[in-house]
Amino acid sequence: MPVYQLDDSLWFPDPNYAWNDGILAIGGDLSVNRLILAYRMGIFPWFNEHEPILWWSPNPRYVIFPDKLKVSKSMRKVLRDEIFEVTYDTEFKAVITQCRDTRRNGQYGTWITEDMLEAYCDLHEAGFAHSVEVWQEGELVGGLYGVALGKFFFGESMFAKVSNASKTGFIQLVRQLEERGFELVDCQQGTNHLISLGAEPISRKDFIQRLTTIDASNTIQGSWKDEFRVPSSE
């Protein structure tokens, strides 16, 4: 299958034409309108510094259905003990910057380039990209960000400076999304961290079929700072 070359016009090829590893297209831009179209079609950008923009649609796709979220006994205790405070959309740029700058085992670079950072900040200003902040004694110690369209949340990246910080933010977010009738959380690919929280694989075909039900007019657009109350601990 070819890797499609994008131009300035707003389009993507059918994601079912993606290669087995998920690569679909190259080029285009990171405008708000193109990013929204990409997510609606099950496509996302992922590339390194000094590379052209690459667009992906992996098969299988890892997702979490909110009602199947797994919370371990140890994490339930962390939540009960209120070790962390969780907020929403209060420090979006700080969260994406930490996701870029926090190094993981075996990672020597980052796919969150300066252009990507600016693009998602623009998407945040447009009311579609959102952040979850996890605080401990007034310090930002964890968080994550992603994109919401209709009743779908597309997770992008998370970071943690202390143990269980990102898990706390993720669990609280998924609980909030379940309360509001969200159908799934897109994890893109399966990691041990996400699988432990309930991420499971579905086929690209199934994922794309589910996306056809997106009602963009039903998107909780704008800041989630006051929209999402922090749930009581269990």
C-alpha atoms as a PDB file:
ATOM      1  CA  MET A   1       0.000   0.000   0.000  1.00  0.00           C
ATOM      2  CA  PRO A   2       1.235   3.547  -0.659  1.00  0.00           C
ATOM      3  CA  VAL A   3       1.970   6.190   1.928  1.00  0.00           C
ATOM      4  CA  TYR A   4      -0.241   9.049   0.812  1.00  0.00           C
ATOM      5  CA  GLN A   5       1.229  12.510   0.265  1.00  0.00           C
ATOM      6  CA  LEU A   6      -0.956  15.273   1.688  1.00  0.00           C
ATOM      7  CA  ASP A   7      -1.111  18.793   0.312  1.00  0.00           C
ATOM      8  CA  ASP A   8      -2.678  22.037   1.517  1.00  0.00           C
ATOM      9  CA  SER A   9      -6.230  20.827   0.895  1.00  0.00           C
ATOM     10  CA  LEU A  10      -8.131  19.426   3.865  1.00  0.00           C
ATOM     11  CA  TRP A  11      -8.395  15.662   3.342  1.00  0.00           C
ATOM     12  CA  PHE A  12      -7.123  12.267   4.447  1.00  0.00           C
ATOM     13  CA  PRO A  13      -7.196   8.912   2.684  1.00  0.00           C
ATOM     14  CA  ASP A  14      -9.345   6.117   4.058  1.00  0.00           C
ATOM     15  CA  PRO A  15      -7.531   4.947   7.233  1.00  0.00           C
ATOM     16  CA  ASN A  16      -8.193   1.346   6.234  1.00  0.00           C
ATOM     17  CA  TYR A  17      -5.439   1.886   3.656  1.00  0.00           C
ATOM     18  CA  ALA A  18      -2.825   2.292   6.411  1.00  0.00           C
ATOM     19  CA  TRP A  19       0.132  -0.084   6.487  1.00  0.00           C
ATOM     20  CA  ASN A  20       0.230  -2.877   9.050  1.00  0.00           C
ATOM     21  CA  ASP A  21       2.360  -0.712  11.348  1.00  0.00           C
ATOM     22  CA  GLY A  22      -0.218   2.075  11.094  1.00  0.00           C
ATOM     23  CA  ILE A  23       1.528   4.583   8.822  1.00  0.00           C
ATOM     24  CA  LEU A  24      -0.985   6.176   6.442  1.00  0.00           C
ATOM     25  CA  ALA A  25       0.130   9.560   5.131  1.00  0.00           C
ATOM     26  CA  ILE A  26       2.854  12.168   5.131  1.00  0.00           C
ATOM     27  CA  GLY A  27       2.758  15.966   4.939  1.00  0.00           C
ATOM     28  CA  GLY A  28      -0.083  18.412   5.373  1.00  0.00           C
ATOM     29  CA  ASP A  29      -0.164  20.654   8.418  1.00  0.00           C
ATOM     30  CA  LEU A  30      -1.195  20.714  12.084  1.00  0.00           C
ATOM     31  CA  SER A  31      -4.040  23.199  11.814  1.00  0.00           C
ATOM     32  CA  VAL A  32      -7.000  22.910  14.166  1.00  0.00           C
ATOM     33  CA  ASN A  33      -9.337  21.869  11.334  1.00  0.00           C
ATOM     34  CA  ARG A  34      -6.984  19.166  10.062  1.00  0.00           C
ATOM     35  CA  LEU A  35      -6.418  17.747  13.545  1.00  0.00           C
ATOM     36  CA  ILE A  36     -10.158  17.578  14.204  1.00  0.00           C
ATOM     37  CA  LEU A  37     -10.719  15.821  10.871  1.00  0.00           C
ATOM     38  CA  ALA A  38      -7.905  13.391  11.661  1.00  0.00           C
ATOM     39  CA  TYR A  39      -9.346  12.402  15.033  1.00  0.00           C
ATOM     40  CA  ARG A  40     -12.828  11.996  13.573  1.00  0.00           C
ATOM     41  CA  MET A  41     -11.340   9.512  11.084  1.00  0.00           C
ATOM     42  CA  GLY A  42      -9.226   7.591  13.618  1.00  0.00           C
ATOM     43  CA  ILE A  43      -5.934   9.176  12.544  1.00  0.00           C
ATOM     44  CA  PHE A  44      -3.303  10.985  14.618  1.00  0.00           C
ATOM     45  CA  PRO A  45       0.075  12.682  13.986  1.00  0.00           C
ATOM     46  CA  TRP A  46       3.265  11.155  15.346  1.00  0.00           C
ATOM     47  CA  PHE A  47       6.745  12.098  14.171  1.00  0.00           C
ATOM     48  CA  ASN A  48      10.146  13.147  15.443  1.00  0.00           C
ATOM     49  CA  GLU A  49      11.913  16.493  15.313  1.00  0.00           C
ATOM     50  CA  HIS A  50      13.262  17.312  11.824  1.00  0.00           C
ATOM     51  CA  GLU A  51      10.930  14.758  10.219  1.00  0.00           C
ATOM     52  CA  PRO A  52       7.941  15.574   7.999  1.00  0.00           C
ATOM     53  CA  ILE A  53       4.508  15.201   9.606  1.00  0.00           C
ATOM     54  CA  LEU A  54       3.494  11.531   9.682  1.00  0.00           C
ATOM     55  CA  TRP A  55      -0.113  10.351  10.162  1.00  0.00           C
ATOM     56  CA  TRP A  56      -1.043   7.006  11.704  1.00  0.00           C
ATOM     57  CA  SER A  57      -3.992   4.670  12.202  1.00  0.00           C
ATOM     58  CA  PRO A  58      -2.733   1.505  13.945  1.00  0.00           C
ATOM     59  CA  ASN A  59      -4.329  -1.915  13.871  1.00  0.00           C
ATOM     60  CA  PRO A  60      -5.272  -3.093  16.420  1.00  0.00           C
ATOM     61  CA  ARG A  61      -6.285   0.016  18.347  1.00  0.00           C
ATOM     62  CA  TYR A  62      -6.146  -0.014  22.147  1.00  0.00           C
ATOM     63  CA  VAL A  63      -9.108   1.559  23.910  1.00  0.00           C
ATOM     64  CA  ILE A  64     -10.673   1.685  27.350  1.00  0.00           C
ATOM     65  CA  PHE A  65     -14.408   1.418  27.729  1.00  0.00           C
ATOM     66  CA  PRO A  66     -15.120   3.611  30.782  1.00  0.00           C
ATOM     67  CA  ASP A  67     -17.302   1.007  32.497  1.00  0.00           C
ATOM     68  CA  LYS A  68     -14.432  -1.498  32.227  1.00  0.00           C
ATOM     69  CA  LEU A  69     -11.837   0.694  33.937  1.00  0.00           C
ATOM     70  CA  LYS A  70      -9.653  -1.372  36.259  1.00  0.00           C
ATOM     71  CA  VAL A  71      -8.631   0.137  39.592  1.00  0.00           C
ATOM     72  CA  SER A  72      -6.329  -2.004  41.715  1.00  0.00           C
ATOM     73  CA  LYS A  73      -6.674  -2.285  45.479  1.00  0.00           C
ATOM     74  CA  SER A  74      -3.467  -0.301  45.926  1.00  0.00           C
ATOM     75  CA  MET A  75      -4.784   2.499  43.713  1.00  0.00           C
ATOM     76  CA  ARG A  76      -8.094   2.535  45.579  1.00  0.00           C
ATOM     77  CA  LYS A  77      -6.112   3.197  48.735  1.00  0.00           C
ATOM     78  CA  VAL A  78      -4.180   6.003  47.041  1.00  0.00           C
ATOM     79  CA  LEU A  79      -7.473   7.601  46.018  1.00  0.00           C
ATOM     80  CA  ARG A  80      -9.023   7.140  49.474  1.00  0.00           C
ATOM     81  CA  ASP A  81      -5.994   8.678  51.169  1.00  0.00           C
ATOM     82  CA  GLU A  82      -6.291  11.753  48.893  1.00  0.00           C
ATOM     83  CA  ILE A  83      -2.547  11.852  48.307  1.00  0.00           C
ATOM     84  CA  PHE A  84      -3.091  13.983  45.205  1.00  0.00           C
ATOM     85  CA  GLU A  85      -5.346  16.815  44.081  1.00  0.00           C
ATOM     86  CA  VAL A  86      -6.737  16.612  40.538  1.00  0.00           C
ATOM     87  CA  THR A  87      -7.754  19.577  38.388  1.00  0.00           C
ATOM     88  CA  TYR A  88      -8.782  20.019  34.757  1.00  0.00           C
ATOM     89  CA  ASP A  89      -7.689  22.539  32.119  1.00  0.00           C
ATOM     90  CA  THR A  90      -5.819  24.767  34.556  1.00  0.00           C
ATOM     91  CA  GLU A  91      -2.277  24.271  33.182  1.00  0.00           C
ATOM     92  CA  PHE A  92      -2.579  22.799  29.697  1.00  0.00           C
ATOM     93  CA  LYS A  93       0.721  24.107  28.349  1.00  0.00           C
ATOM     94  CA  ALA A  94       2.575  23.030  31.490  1.00  0.00           C
ATOM     95  CA  VAL A  95       1.177  19.492  31.159  1.00  0.00           C
ATOM     96  CA  ILE A  96       2.073  19.045  27.493  1.00  0.00           C
ATOM     97  CA  THR A  97       5.509  20.545  28.171  1.00  0.00           C
ATOM     98  CA  GLN A  98       6.111  18.049  30.984  1.00  0.00           C
ATOM     99  CA  CYS A  99       4.925  15.223  28.732  1.00  0.00           C
ATOM    100  CA  ARG A 100       7.551  16.371  26.244  1.00  0.00           C
ATOM    101  CA  ASP A 101      10.361  16.832  28.742  1.00  0.00           C
ATOM    102  CA  THR A 102       9.854  13.808  31.002  1.00  0.00           C
ATOM    103  CA  ARG A 103      12.148  11.008  29.879  1.00  0.00           C
ATOM    104  CA  ARG A 104      11.053   7.376  30.016  1.00  0.00           C
ATOM    105  CA  ASN A 105      13.151   4.222  30.103  1.00  0.00           C
ATOM    106  CA  GLY A 106      14.585   3.522  26.668  1.00  0.00           C
ATOM    107  CA  GLN A 107      13.499   6.886  25.298  1.00  0.00           C
ATOM    108  CA  TYR A 108      16.152   9.186  23.904  1.00  0.00           C
ATOM    109  CA  GLY A 109      13.974  11.825  22.258  1.00  0.00           C
ATOM    110  CA  THR A 110      10.422  13.032  22.056  1.00  0.00           C
ATOM    111  CA  TRP A 111       7.703  13.097  19.431  1.00  0.00           C
ATOM    112  CA  ILE A 112       6.178  16.241  20.987  1.00  0.00           C
ATOM    113  CA  THR A 113       8.008  18.738  18.810  1.00  0.00           C
ATOM    114  CA  GLU A 114       7.660  22.493  19.217  1.00  0.00           C
ATOM    115  CA  ASP A 115       5.214  22.510  16.286  1.00  0.00           C
ATOM    116  CA  MET A 116       3.153  19.776  17.944  1.00  0.00           C
ATOM    117  CA  LEU A 117       3.134  21.637  21.246  1.00  0.00           C
ATOM    118  CA  GLU A 118       1.908  24.822  19.588  1.00  0.00           C
ATOM    119  CA  ALA A 119      -0.695  22.937  17.538  1.00  0.00           C
ATOM    120  CA  TYR A 120      -2.251  21.266  20.587  1.00  0.00           C
ATOM    121  CA  CYS A 121      -2.214  24.542  22.503  1.00  0.00           C
ATOM    122  CA  ASP A 122      -4.208  25.977  19.588  1.00  0.00           C
ATOM    123  CA  LEU A 123      -6.567  22.995  19.804  1.00  0.00           C
ATOM    124  CA  HIS A 124      -6.917  23.670  23.530  1.00  0.00           C
ATOM    125  CA  GLU A 125      -7.749  27.322  22.867  1.00  0.00           C
ATOM    126  CA  ALA A 126     -10.381  26.118  20.407  1.00  0.00           C
ATOM    127  CA  GLY A 127     -11.940  24.049  23.207  1.00  0.00           C
ATOM    128  CA  PHE A 128     -11.170  20.540  21.945  1.00  0.00           C
ATOM    129  CA  ALA A 129      -7.901  19.599  23.698  1.00  0.00           C
ATOM    130  CA  HIS A 130      -7.939  19.165  27.466  1.00  0.00           C
ATOM    131  CA  SER A 131      -5.522  18.539  30.291  1.00  0.00           C
ATOM    132  CA  VAL A 132      -5.671  16.793  33.638  1.00  0.00           C
ATOM    133  CA  GLU A 133      -3.312  18.103  36.314  1.00  0.00           C
ATOM    134  CA  VAL A 134      -2.224  16.105  39.352  1.00  0.00           C
ATOM    135  CA  TRP A 135      -0.849  18.083  42.283  1.00  0.00           C
ATOM    136  CA  GLN A 136       0.963  17.195  45.484  1.00  0.00           C
ATOM    137  CA  GLU A 137       1.567  19.914  48.054  1.00  0.00           C
ATOM    138  CA  GLY A 138       1.093  22.560  45.395  1.00  0.00           C
ATOM    139  CA  GLU A 139       3.520  21.001  42.892  1.00  0.00           C
ATOM    140  CA  LEU A 140       2.483  19.653  39.491  1.00  0.00           C
ATOM    141  CA  VAL A 141       3.616  16.030  39.757  1.00  0.00           C
ATOM    142  CA  GLY A 142       1.615  14.336  37.014  1.00  0.00           C
ATOM    143  CA  GLY A 143      -0.904  14.823  34.271  1.00  0.00           C
ATOM    144  CA  LEU A 144      -2.162  13.953  30.831  1.00  0.00           C
ATOM    145  CA  TYR A 145      -3.800  15.567  27.843  1.00  0.00           C
ATOM    146  CA  GLY A 146      -6.002  14.551  24.938  1.00  0.00           C
ATOM    147  CA  VAL A 147      -8.783  15.537  22.582  1.00  0.00           C
ATOM    148  CA  ALA A 148     -12.555  15.285  23.055  1.00  0.00           C
ATOM    149  CA  LEU A 149     -15.024  14.946  20.199  1.00  0.00           C
ATOM    150  CA  GLY A 150     -18.597  13.972  20.890  1.00  0.00           C
ATOM    151  CA  LYS A 151     -18.518  11.180  23.460  1.00  0.00           C
ATOM    152  CA  PHE A 152     -14.990  10.039  22.578  1.00  0.00           C
ATOM    153  CA  PHE A 153     -11.775  11.029  24.334  1.00  0.00           C
ATOM    154  CA  PHE A 154      -8.514  10.544  22.455  1.00  0.00           C
ATOM    155  CA  GLY A 155      -5.637  10.283  24.907  1.00  0.00           C
ATOM    156  CA  GLU A 156      -2.294  11.625  23.731  1.00  0.00           C
ATOM    157  CA  SER A 157       0.364  11.525  26.453  1.00  0.00           C
ATOM    158  CA  MET A 158       0.864  11.485  30.208  1.00  0.00           C
ATOM    159  CA  PHE A 159       3.693  12.073  32.646  1.00  0.00           C
ATOM    160  CA  ALA A 160       4.462  11.421  36.297  1.00  0.00           C
ATOM    161  CA  LYS A 161       7.167  12.773  38.566  1.00  0.00           C
ATOM    162  CA  VAL A 162       6.094  10.595  41.493  1.00  0.00           C
ATOM    163  CA  SER A 163       4.614   7.116  41.675  1.00  0.00           C
ATOM    164  CA  ASN A 164       0.874   6.778  40.957  1.00  0.00           C
ATOM    165  CA  ALA A 165       0.432  10.426  39.920  1.00  0.00           C
ATOM    166  CA  SER A 166      -0.493   9.796  36.278  1.00  0.00           C
ATOM    167  CA  LYS A 167      -2.634   6.797  37.220  1.00  0.00           C
ATOM    168  CA  THR A 168      -4.583   8.968  39.645  1.00  0.00           C
ATOM    169  CA  GLY A 169      -5.237  11.584  36.984  1.00  0.00           C
ATOM    170  CA  PHE A 170      -6.229   8.994  34.409  1.00  0.00           C
ATOM    171  CA  ILE A 171      -8.597   7.118  36.728  1.00  0.00           C
ATOM    172  CA  GLN A 172     -10.322  10.310  37.846  1.00  0.00           C
ATOM    173  CA  LEU A 173     -10.681  11.454  34.247  1.00  0.00           C
ATOM    174  CA  VAL A 174     -12.223   8.166  33.085  1.00  0.00           C
ATOM    175  CA  ARG A 175     -14.685   8.274  35.983  1.00  0.00           C
ATOM    176  CA  GLN A 176     -15.670  11.782  34.977  1.00  0.00           C
ATOM    177  CA  LEU A 177     -16.100  10.720  31.363  1.00  0.00           C
ATOM    178  CA  GLU A 178     -18.245   7.744  32.359  1.00  0.00           C
ATOM    179  CA  GLU A 179     -20.555  10.045  34.333  1.00  0.00           C
ATOM    180  CA  ARG A 180     -21.067  12.044  31.151  1.00  0.00           C
ATOM    181  CA  GLY A 181     -21.814   9.103  28.909  1.00  0.00           C
ATOM    182  CA  PHE A 182     -18.509   8.882  27.049  1.00  0.00           C
ATOM    183  CA  GLU A 183     -18.286   5.704  24.991  1.00  0.00           C
ATOM    184  CA  LEU A 184     -14.559   5.079  24.921  1.00  0.00           C
ATOM    185  CA  VAL A 185     -11.094   6.434  25.622  1.00  0.00           C
ATOM    186  CA  ASP A 186      -8.616   5.967  22.787  1.00  0.00           C
ATOM    187  CA  CYS A 187      -5.202   4.838  24.045  1.00  0.00           C
ATOM    188  CA  GLN A 188      -3.772   4.420  20.511  1.00  0.00           C
ATOM    189  CA  GLN A 189      -1.317   1.669  21.478  1.00  0.00           C
ATOM    190  CA  GLY A 190      -1.143  -0.797  24.329  1.00  0.00           C
ATOM    191  CA  THR A 191       1.423  -0.279  27.091  1.00  0.00           C
ATOM    192  CA  ASN A 192       1.677  -2.275  30.307  1.00  0.00           C
ATOM    193  CA  HIS A 193       0.625   0.864  32.181  1.00  0.00           C
ATOM    194  CA  LEU A 194      -2.583   1.286  30.154  1.00  0.00           C
ATOM    195  CA  ILE A 195      -3.374  -2.427  29.924  1.00  0.00           C
ATOM    196  CA  SER A 196      -3.257  -2.592  33.734  1.00  0.00           C
ATOM    197  CA  LEU A 197      -5.998   0.056  33.737  1.00  0.00           C
ATOM    198  CA  GLY A 198      -8.205  -1.890  31.353  1.00  0.00           C
ATOM    199  CA  ALA A 199      -6.988  -1.012  27.863  1.00  0.00           C
ATOM    200  CA  GLU A 200      -7.940  -3.670  25.332  1.00  0.00           C
ATOM    201  CA  PRO A 201      -7.362  -4.107  21.602  1.00  0.00           C
ATOM    202  CA  ILE A 202     -10.066  -3.721  18.985  1.00  0.00           C
ATOM    203  CA  SER A 203      -9.627  -3.850  15.242  1.00  0.00           C
ATOM    204  CA  ARG A 204      -9.066  -0.688  13.228  1.00  0.00           C
ATOM    205  CA  LYS A 205     -12.287  -1.483  11.359  1.00  0.00           C
ATOM    206  CA  ASP A 206     -14.267  -1.679  14.604  1.00  0.00           C
ATOM    207  CA  PHE A 207     -12.686   1.526  15.915  1.00  0.00           C
ATOM    208  CA  ILE A 208     -13.443   3.480  12.741  1.00  0.00           C
ATOM    209  CA  GLN A 209     -17.000   2.152  12.667  1.00  0.00           C
ATOM    210  CA  ARG A 210     -17.530   3.434  16.217  1.00  0.00           C
ATOM    211  CA  LEU A 211     -16.217   6.865  15.188  1.00  0.00           C
ATOM    212  CA  THR A 212     -19.013   7.208  12.628  1.00  0.00           C
ATOM    213  CA  THR A 213     -21.386   7.767  15.569  1.00  0.00           C
ATOM    214  CA  ILE A 214     -19.543  10.915  16.714  1.00  0.00           C
ATOM    215  CA  ASP A 215     -21.945  13.830  17.137  1.00  0.00           C
ATOM    216  CA  ALA A 216     -19.651  16.848  17.148  1.00  0.00           C
ATOM    217  CA  SER A 217     -22.499  19.049  18.392  1.00  0.00           C
ATOM    218  CA  ASN A 218     -22.470  16.936  21.575  1.00  0.00           C
ATOM    219  CA  THR A 219     -18.841  17.796  22.336  1.00  0.00           C
ATOM    220  CA  ILE A 220     -18.176  19.275  25.774  1.00  0.00           C
ATOM    221  CA  GLN A 221     -16.244  22.112  24.199  1.00  0.00           C
ATOM    222  CA  GLY A 222     -14.373  24.810  26.090  1.00  0.00           C
ATOM    223  CA  SER A 223     -12.659  24.710  29.450  1.00  0.00           C
ATOM    224  CA  TRP A 224     -13.303  21.708  31.691  1.00  0.00           C
ATOM    225  CA  LYS A 225     -11.997  23.582  34.721  1.00  0.00           C
ATOM    226  CA  ASP A 226     -15.441  24.092  36.207  1.00  0.00           C
ATOM    227  CA  GLU A 227     -17.348  21.563  34.101  1.00  0.00           C
ATOM    228  CA  PHE A 228     -15.694  18.567  35.739  1.00  0.00           C
ATOM    229  CA  ARG A 229     -16.079  18.395  39.485  1.00  0.00           C
ATOM    230  CA  VAL A 230     -13.501  16.376  41.390  1.00  0.00           C
ATOM    231  CA  PRO A 231     -15.244  13.194  42.583  1.00  0.00           C
ATOM    232  CA  SER A 232     -15.106  12.168  46.197  1.00  0.00           C
ATOM    233  CA  SER A 233     -12.566   9.488  47.070  1.00  0.00           C
ATOM    234  CA  GLU A 234     -13.580   5.876  47.482  1.00  0.00           C
END
